[in-house]
Protein backbone atom coordinates (compact mmCIF):
# COMPACT_ATOMS: atom_id res chain seq x y z
CA MET A 1 12.69 84.32 -55.54
CA THR A 2 11.66 85.98 -52.41
CA THR A 3 8.20 84.48 -52.54
CA ILE A 4 9.57 81.01 -52.93
CA ARG A 5 11.52 81.74 -49.74
CA TYR A 6 8.40 82.99 -47.80
CA THR A 7 6.24 80.08 -49.01
CA LEU A 8 8.95 77.47 -47.87
CA LEU A 9 9.28 79.22 -44.65
CA LEU A 10 5.44 79.02 -44.37
CA VAL A 11 5.60 75.30 -45.10
CA ALA A 12 8.36 74.77 -42.45
CA LEU A 13 6.52 76.53 -39.74
CA ALA A 14 3.18 74.74 -40.75
CA ILE A 15 5.53 71.19 -40.25
CA LEU A 16 6.77 72.57 -37.03
CA ALA A 17 3.51 73.27 -35.80
CA ALA A 18 2.07 70.07 -36.70
CA CYS A 19 4.67 68.21 -35.18
CA LYS A 20 4.55 69.83 -31.60
CA PRO A 21 2.83 67.36 -29.16
CA SER A 22 -0.41 68.50 -27.71
CA PRO A 23 -0.15 69.55 -24.21
CA GLU A 24 -3.35 67.67 -23.38
CA PRO A 25 -1.55 64.15 -22.61
CA ALA A 26 0.57 66.03 -20.15
CA ASN A 27 -2.18 67.44 -18.28
CA GLU A 28 -3.99 63.93 -18.15
CA LEU A 29 -0.85 62.38 -16.47
CA GLU A 30 -0.48 65.48 -14.15
CA SER A 31 -4.34 65.01 -12.97
CA GLU A 32 -3.77 61.37 -12.49
CA ARG A 33 -0.90 61.97 -10.23
CA LEU A 34 -2.96 64.39 -8.16
CA GLN A 35 -5.67 61.81 -7.81
CA PRO A 36 -5.07 60.23 -4.16
CA ALA A 37 -4.58 56.54 -4.05
CA LYS A 38 -7.70 54.65 -3.07
CA ILE A 39 -7.81 53.34 0.46
CA GLU A 40 -9.43 49.91 1.27
CA THR A 41 -11.71 50.20 4.23
CA GLY A 42 -14.16 47.68 5.41
CA LYS A 43 -16.95 50.13 4.87
CA PRO A 44 -19.05 48.98 1.80
CA LYS A 45 -19.01 50.90 -1.65
CA THR A 46 -21.82 52.98 -2.41
CA ASP A 47 -23.44 53.65 -5.83
CA LYS A 48 -26.41 55.65 -7.30
CA ARG A 49 -28.76 53.05 -5.91
CA ASN A 50 -27.79 53.87 -2.40
CA LYS A 51 -30.58 55.32 -0.37
CA ALA A 52 -28.98 55.59 3.10
CA THR A 53 -25.94 57.14 4.52
CA VAL A 54 -22.86 54.85 4.70
CA TYR A 55 -21.24 55.53 7.96
CA ASP A 56 -17.32 55.01 8.68
CA GLN A 57 -18.11 52.26 11.60
CA PRO A 58 -20.38 49.76 12.06
CA LEU A 59 -23.72 50.83 13.84
CA TRP A 60 -23.94 47.48 15.63
CA GLU A 61 -21.48 45.12 17.48
CA GLU A 62 -20.26 41.91 16.12
CA GLU A 63 -22.45 39.83 18.57
CA LEU A 64 -25.54 41.48 17.31
CA MET A 65 -24.14 40.85 13.69
CA GLU A 66 -23.85 37.01 14.60
CA LYS A 67 -27.48 37.02 15.72
CA GLN A 68 -28.76 38.69 12.98
CA LEU A 69 -26.74 36.34 10.45
CA LEU A 70 -28.41 33.38 12.03
CA TYR A 71 -31.86 34.89 11.86
CA CYS A 72 -31.35 35.91 8.20
CA VAL A 73 -30.27 32.60 7.15
CA ASP A 74 -33.39 31.19 8.95
CA GLN A 75 -35.59 33.35 6.96
CA HIS A 76 -33.96 32.50 3.67
CA ILE A 77 -32.93 28.78 4.03
CA ASP A 78 -35.84 27.83 1.67
CA LEU A 79 -34.77 29.80 -1.25
CA GLU A 80 -33.41 27.30 -3.93
CA GLU A 81 -31.38 30.02 -5.99
CA ILE A 82 -28.94 31.33 -3.43
CA ASP A 83 -26.61 30.08 -0.38
CA PRO A 84 -28.38 31.64 2.18
CA TYR A 85 -25.43 31.83 4.45
CA ARG A 86 -23.39 33.78 1.85
CA PHE A 87 -26.02 36.12 0.87
CA CYS A 88 -26.62 37.06 4.48
CA ALA A 89 -23.23 37.63 5.29
CA CYS A 90 -22.81 39.56 2.19
CA PHE A 91 -25.88 41.76 2.87
CA LEU A 92 -25.52 42.54 6.66
CA ASN A 93 -21.83 43.48 6.36
CA LYS A 94 -23.14 46.13 4.26
CA ALA A 95 -26.45 46.97 6.20
CA ARG A 96 -24.66 47.50 9.39
CA TYR A 97 -22.87 50.50 8.26
CA THR A 98 -26.12 52.15 6.96
CA HIS A 99 -29.14 51.22 9.24
CA GLU A 100 -29.32 51.20 13.11
CA ILE A 101 -30.19 47.36 14.35
CA GLU A 102 -34.02 48.17 15.02
CA PHE A 103 -34.30 49.70 11.37
CA LEU A 104 -32.51 46.74 9.80
CA ASP A 105 -35.72 45.41 7.99
CA GLN A 106 -35.89 48.93 6.26
CA ALA A 107 -32.25 48.18 4.85
CA TYR A 108 -33.77 45.33 2.58
CA GLU A 109 -36.23 47.97 1.01
CA ASP A 110 -33.59 50.91 0.92
CA GLN A 111 -30.66 48.76 -0.21
CA GLU A 112 -32.44 46.71 -3.16
CA GLY A 113 -29.12 47.15 -5.16
CA TRP A 114 -27.10 45.38 -2.35
CA VAL A 115 -29.85 42.64 -2.11
CA ILE A 116 -29.33 42.12 -5.80
CA ASP A 117 -25.60 42.27 -5.80
CA CYS A 118 -25.50 39.81 -2.81
CA MET A 119 -27.90 37.38 -4.47
CA GLU A 120 -26.10 37.31 -7.81
CA SER A 121 -22.62 36.77 -5.83
CA SER A 122 -24.17 34.03 -3.66
CA PRO A 123 -25.42 31.19 -5.97
CA LYS A 124 -26.57 27.90 -4.40
CA GLN A 125 -23.38 25.39 -5.05
CA ASP A 126 -24.52 21.79 -5.35
CA PHE A 127 -22.29 19.16 -3.88
């Protein structure tokens, strides 16, 4: 009779152990709560393709941005696949956080991923 009781007791303990919730989901929820909320800034996002430091503030003023935008559009106006204005605005808004104005030409080489991203997001629109 006592062996039956021990057997039932062991079965009951095994069932209780199986019904216990695992502590992992609680830890996952806690770690999610500890993560700071992402703050949106004007700073371009970086990824593994980025080859330059991305600064918190633009490295050149808005006036230079306008001149560079016009120059860039003029350089890319003949490309049939992209809208040059949208491409240049996209790329220059990122590049002004990585390269001083005198080294802007290097940004096109250093930031190949941004060039591709901006080209893909700037298809030419037919009217």
